[in-house]
Amino acid sequence: MSFANVDAYRSFDSAKPFASRQLVHNLNRIWSAAWLEGNEYSPELRRARELRPVVSAADHILDLHCTSQVVQPFWVYPAFARNAEAALN
């Protein structure tokens, strides 16, 4: 189990609750090789690079989020065979 977005969590200010969703990059959008192997730096990229070996070795990943809206649970990336297979099992 990992608590991934630690720096953003630490930046939380109850007066601006949505300002701490990210510091620079959206951690959920930077997992491609282009981002992870690129030259750009941010706290989110640093953390993703730290977590990359763990994520790559995992059989399955459950990414839990909270939202500002009431929503039904949903599956985000069923187009990837590995994810679709996990969802159907």
N, C-alpha and C. Protein backbone atom coordinates (compact mmCIF):
# COMPACT_ATOMS: atom_id res chain seq x y z
N MET A 1 0.85 -1.16 0.00
CA MET A 1 0.00 0.00 0.00
C MET A 1 0.90 1.24 0.00
N SER A 2 0.49 2.24 -0.72
CA SER A 2 1.27 3.47 -0.81
C SER A 2 0.35 4.68 -0.72
N PHE A 3 0.79 5.66 -0.01
CA PHE A 3 0.14 6.96 -0.02
C PHE A 3 1.01 7.80 -0.94
N ALA A 4 0.55 8.05 -2.15
CA ALA A 4 1.44 8.54 -3.20
C ALA A 4 1.64 10.05 -3.25
N ASN A 5 0.61 10.82 -3.04
CA ASN A 5 0.71 12.26 -3.27
C ASN A 5 1.01 13.01 -1.97
N VAL A 6 2.08 12.65 -1.32
CA VAL A 6 2.42 13.14 0.01
C VAL A 6 2.65 14.65 0.03
N ASP A 7 3.42 15.17 -0.91
CA ASP A 7 3.73 16.60 -0.92
C ASP A 7 2.47 17.45 -1.09
N ALA A 8 1.58 17.02 -1.99
CA ALA A 8 0.32 17.75 -2.17
C ALA A 8 -0.52 17.66 -0.90
N TYR A 9 -0.56 16.51 -0.29
CA TYR A 9 -1.30 16.33 0.97
C TYR A 9 -0.78 17.28 2.05
N ARG A 10 0.52 17.38 2.16
CA ARG A 10 1.12 18.26 3.16
C ARG A 10 0.82 19.73 2.90
N SER A 11 0.51 20.07 1.66
CA SER A 11 0.23 21.47 1.32
C SER A 11 -1.22 21.87 1.57
N PHE A 12 -2.03 20.94 2.08
CA PHE A 12 -3.47 21.20 2.24
C PHE A 12 -3.72 22.42 3.12
N ASP A 13 -4.63 23.27 2.65
CA ASP A 13 -5.09 24.45 3.38
C ASP A 13 -6.62 24.41 3.32
N SER A 14 -7.25 24.29 4.48
CA SER A 14 -8.71 24.17 4.49
C SER A 14 -9.41 25.38 3.89
N ALA A 15 -8.73 26.52 3.84
CA ALA A 15 -9.32 27.71 3.21
C ALA A 15 -9.32 27.60 1.69
N LYS A 16 -8.43 26.75 1.14
CA LYS A 16 -8.33 26.52 -0.31
C LYS A 16 -8.20 25.01 -0.55
N PRO A 17 -9.26 24.26 -0.30
CA PRO A 17 -9.13 22.81 -0.31
C PRO A 17 -8.75 22.19 -1.66
N PHE A 18 -9.06 22.82 -2.77
CA PHE A 18 -8.73 22.24 -4.07
C PHE A 18 -7.36 22.64 -4.58
N ALA A 19 -6.70 23.55 -3.90
CA ALA A 19 -5.36 23.99 -4.31
C ALA A 19 -4.31 22.91 -4.07
N SER A 20 -4.60 21.94 -3.23
CA SER A 20 -3.61 20.91 -2.90
C SER A 20 -3.77 19.63 -3.74
N ARG A 21 -4.59 19.66 -4.75
CA ARG A 21 -4.73 18.47 -5.60
C ARG A 21 -3.41 18.10 -6.25
N GLN A 22 -2.61 19.09 -6.55
CA GLN A 22 -1.28 18.87 -7.13
C GLN A 22 -0.45 20.10 -6.86
N LEU A 23 0.86 19.92 -6.89
CA LEU A 23 1.74 21.07 -6.74
C LEU A 23 2.12 21.63 -8.11
N VAL A 24 2.52 20.74 -9.02
CA VAL A 24 2.90 21.14 -10.38
C VAL A 24 2.14 20.30 -11.41
N HIS A 25 2.29 18.99 -11.33
CA HIS A 25 1.67 18.08 -12.29
C HIS A 25 0.60 17.23 -11.61
N ASN A 26 -0.34 16.77 -12.41
CA ASN A 26 -1.33 15.81 -11.93
C ASN A 26 -0.63 14.45 -11.88
N LEU A 27 -0.47 13.89 -10.69
CA LEU A 27 0.24 12.63 -10.52
C LEU A 27 -0.36 11.50 -11.35
N ASN A 28 -1.62 11.57 -11.64
CA ASN A 28 -2.27 10.52 -12.43
C ASN A 28 -2.00 10.63 -13.92
N ARG A 29 -1.40 11.70 -14.36
CA ARG A 29 -1.22 11.94 -15.80
C ARG A 29 0.23 11.87 -16.26
N ILE A 30 1.13 11.42 -15.42
CA ILE A 30 2.56 11.49 -15.77
C ILE A 30 3.25 10.13 -15.76
N TRP A 31 2.51 9.06 -16.03
CA TRP A 31 3.08 7.72 -15.91
C TRP A 31 3.62 7.16 -17.22
N SER A 32 3.63 7.93 -18.28
CA SER A 32 4.20 7.44 -19.54
C SER A 32 5.72 7.51 -19.48
N ALA A 33 6.38 6.73 -20.31
CA ALA A 33 7.85 6.76 -20.37
C ALA A 33 8.34 8.16 -20.73
N ALA A 34 7.60 8.85 -21.58
CA ALA A 34 8.02 10.21 -21.97
C ALA A 34 8.14 11.12 -20.75
N TRP A 35 7.18 11.05 -19.85
CA TRP A 35 7.24 11.86 -18.64
C TRP A 35 8.30 11.34 -17.67
N LEU A 36 8.26 10.05 -17.40
CA LEU A 36 9.13 9.48 -16.37
C LEU A 36 10.60 9.49 -16.76
N GLU A 37 10.88 9.44 -18.04
CA GLU A 37 12.27 9.43 -18.50
C GLU A 37 12.70 10.79 -19.03
N GLY A 38 11.82 11.77 -18.97
CA GLY A 38 12.12 13.10 -19.48
C GLY A 38 12.99 13.90 -18.52
N ASN A 39 13.28 15.13 -18.91
CA ASN A 39 14.15 16.01 -18.13
C ASN A 39 13.41 16.94 -17.19
N GLU A 40 12.10 16.95 -17.29
CA GLU A 40 11.33 17.87 -16.45
C GLU A 40 11.36 17.40 -15.00
N TYR A 41 11.19 18.34 -14.07
CA TYR A 41 11.17 18.00 -12.65
C TYR A 41 9.95 18.64 -11.99
N SER A 42 9.37 17.92 -11.08
CA SER A 42 8.32 18.43 -10.20
C SER A 42 8.25 17.47 -9.02
N PRO A 43 7.63 17.87 -7.94
CA PRO A 43 7.46 16.92 -6.83
C PRO A 43 6.70 15.67 -7.25
N GLU A 44 5.72 15.84 -8.15
CA GLU A 44 4.94 14.70 -8.60
C GLU A 44 5.79 13.76 -9.47
N LEU A 45 6.62 14.33 -10.34
CA LEU A 45 7.49 13.49 -11.16
C LEU A 45 8.52 12.76 -10.30
N ARG A 46 9.04 13.43 -9.31
CA ARG A 46 9.99 12.79 -8.39
C ARG A 46 9.33 11.59 -7.73
N ARG A 47 8.11 11.77 -7.24
CA ARG A 47 7.40 10.69 -6.56
C ARG A 47 7.05 9.57 -7.53
N ALA A 48 6.60 9.90 -8.72
CA ALA A 48 6.28 8.87 -9.72
C ALA A 48 7.53 8.07 -10.07
N ARG A 49 8.65 8.74 -10.21
CA ARG A 49 9.90 8.03 -10.51
C ARG A 49 10.31 7.12 -9.36
N GLU A 50 10.06 7.54 -8.13
CA GLU A 50 10.35 6.69 -6.97
C GLU A 50 9.44 5.46 -6.96
N LEU A 51 8.18 5.66 -7.31
CA LEU A 51 7.20 4.57 -7.27
C LEU A 51 7.24 3.67 -8.50
N ARG A 52 7.90 4.10 -9.55
CA ARG A 52 7.87 3.37 -10.82
C ARG A 52 8.26 1.89 -10.69
N PRO A 53 9.32 1.53 -9.98
CA PRO A 53 9.64 0.11 -9.87
C PRO A 53 8.54 -0.70 -9.18
N VAL A 54 7.90 -0.12 -8.21
CA VAL A 54 6.82 -0.81 -7.50
C VAL A 54 5.61 -0.96 -8.41
N VAL A 55 5.25 0.11 -9.10
CA VAL A 55 4.11 0.08 -10.01
C VAL A 55 4.36 -0.92 -11.14
N SER A 56 5.56 -0.92 -11.68
CA SER A 56 5.88 -1.84 -12.79
C SER A 56 5.83 -3.30 -12.35
N ALA A 57 6.17 -3.57 -11.11
CA ALA A 57 6.21 -4.95 -10.62
C ALA A 57 4.84 -5.45 -10.15
N ALA A 58 3.89 -4.57 -9.96
CA ALA A 58 2.59 -4.96 -9.41
C ALA A 58 1.76 -5.75 -10.41
N ASP A 59 1.06 -6.73 -9.90
CA ASP A 59 0.11 -7.48 -10.74
C ASP A 59 -1.12 -6.63 -11.03
N HIS A 60 -1.57 -5.89 -10.03
CA HIS A 60 -2.74 -5.02 -10.16
C HIS A 60 -2.52 -3.78 -9.31
N ILE A 61 -3.15 -2.69 -9.72
CA ILE A 61 -3.07 -1.45 -8.97
C ILE A 61 -4.48 -0.93 -8.77
N LEU A 62 -4.80 -0.62 -7.55
CA LEU A 62 -6.08 0.00 -7.23
C LEU A 62 -5.77 1.42 -6.80
N ASP A 63 -6.21 2.37 -7.58
CA ASP A 63 -5.94 3.78 -7.33
C ASP A 63 -7.20 4.42 -6.77
N LEU A 64 -7.21 4.70 -5.49
CA LEU A 64 -8.39 5.26 -4.83
C LEU A 64 -8.30 6.78 -4.79
N HIS A 65 -9.42 7.40 -5.06
CA HIS A 65 -9.51 8.86 -5.07
C HIS A 65 -10.70 9.31 -4.26
N CYS A 66 -10.60 10.52 -3.77
CA CYS A 66 -11.79 11.18 -3.26
C CYS A 66 -12.12 12.28 -4.27
N THR A 67 -13.35 12.72 -4.28
CA THR A 67 -13.77 13.74 -5.23
C THR A 67 -14.56 14.83 -4.52
N SER A 68 -14.73 15.90 -5.22
CA SER A 68 -15.54 17.00 -4.68
C SER A 68 -17.02 16.81 -5.00
N GLN A 69 -17.34 15.79 -5.80
CA GLN A 69 -18.71 15.52 -6.21
C GLN A 69 -19.10 14.11 -5.77
N VAL A 70 -20.37 13.88 -5.61
CA VAL A 70 -20.87 12.54 -5.34
C VAL A 70 -20.88 11.79 -6.67
N VAL A 71 -20.12 10.71 -6.76
CA VAL A 71 -20.05 9.93 -8.00
C VAL A 71 -20.15 8.45 -7.68
N GLN A 72 -20.58 7.69 -8.67
CA GLN A 72 -20.58 6.24 -8.58
C GLN A 72 -19.16 5.75 -8.87
N PRO A 73 -18.73 4.64 -8.27
CA PRO A 73 -17.42 4.08 -8.62
C PRO A 73 -17.36 3.79 -10.11
N PHE A 74 -16.20 3.96 -10.70
CA PHE A 74 -16.05 3.72 -12.13
C PHE A 74 -14.66 3.23 -12.45
N TRP A 75 -14.56 2.57 -13.59
CA TRP A 75 -13.30 2.02 -14.08
C TRP A 75 -12.77 2.98 -15.13
N VAL A 76 -11.53 3.41 -14.99
CA VAL A 76 -11.02 4.48 -15.83
C VAL A 76 -10.41 4.00 -17.14
N TYR A 77 -9.59 2.97 -17.13
CA TYR A 77 -8.84 2.56 -18.33
C TYR A 77 -9.12 1.12 -18.75
N PRO A 78 -10.35 0.81 -19.12
CA PRO A 78 -10.63 -0.58 -19.53
C PRO A 78 -10.02 -0.93 -20.89
N ALA A 79 -9.54 0.03 -21.66
CA ALA A 79 -9.01 -0.25 -22.98
C ALA A 79 -7.68 -1.02 -22.91
N PHE A 80 -6.96 -0.92 -21.80
CA PHE A 80 -5.72 -1.66 -21.66
C PHE A 80 -6.06 -3.09 -21.26
N ALA A 81 -5.55 -4.05 -22.00
CA ALA A 81 -5.91 -5.46 -21.78
C ALA A 81 -5.69 -5.89 -20.35
N ARG A 82 -4.59 -5.48 -19.75
CA ARG A 82 -4.28 -5.88 -18.37
C ARG A 82 -5.35 -5.36 -17.40
N ASN A 83 -5.81 -4.15 -17.61
CA ASN A 83 -6.84 -3.57 -16.74
C ASN A 83 -8.20 -4.21 -16.99
N ALA A 84 -8.53 -4.41 -18.24
CA ALA A 84 -9.81 -5.02 -18.56
C ALA A 84 -9.88 -6.43 -17.99
N GLU A 85 -8.80 -7.17 -18.07
CA GLU A 85 -8.78 -8.53 -17.52
C GLU A 85 -9.00 -8.50 -16.01
N ALA A 86 -8.34 -7.58 -15.33
CA ALA A 86 -8.52 -7.47 -13.87
C ALA A 86 -9.95 -7.09 -13.52
N ALA A 87 -10.55 -6.22 -14.31
CA ALA A 87 -11.92 -5.76 -14.03
C ALA A 87 -12.92 -6.89 -14.21
N LEU A 88 -12.65 -7.77 -15.14
CA LEU A 88 -13.59 -8.85 -15.43
C LEU A 88 -13.45 -10.04 -14.50
N ASN A 89 -12.37 -10.11 -13.76
CA ASN A 89 -12.14 -11.24 -12.83
C ASN A 89 -12.80 -10.99 -11.49
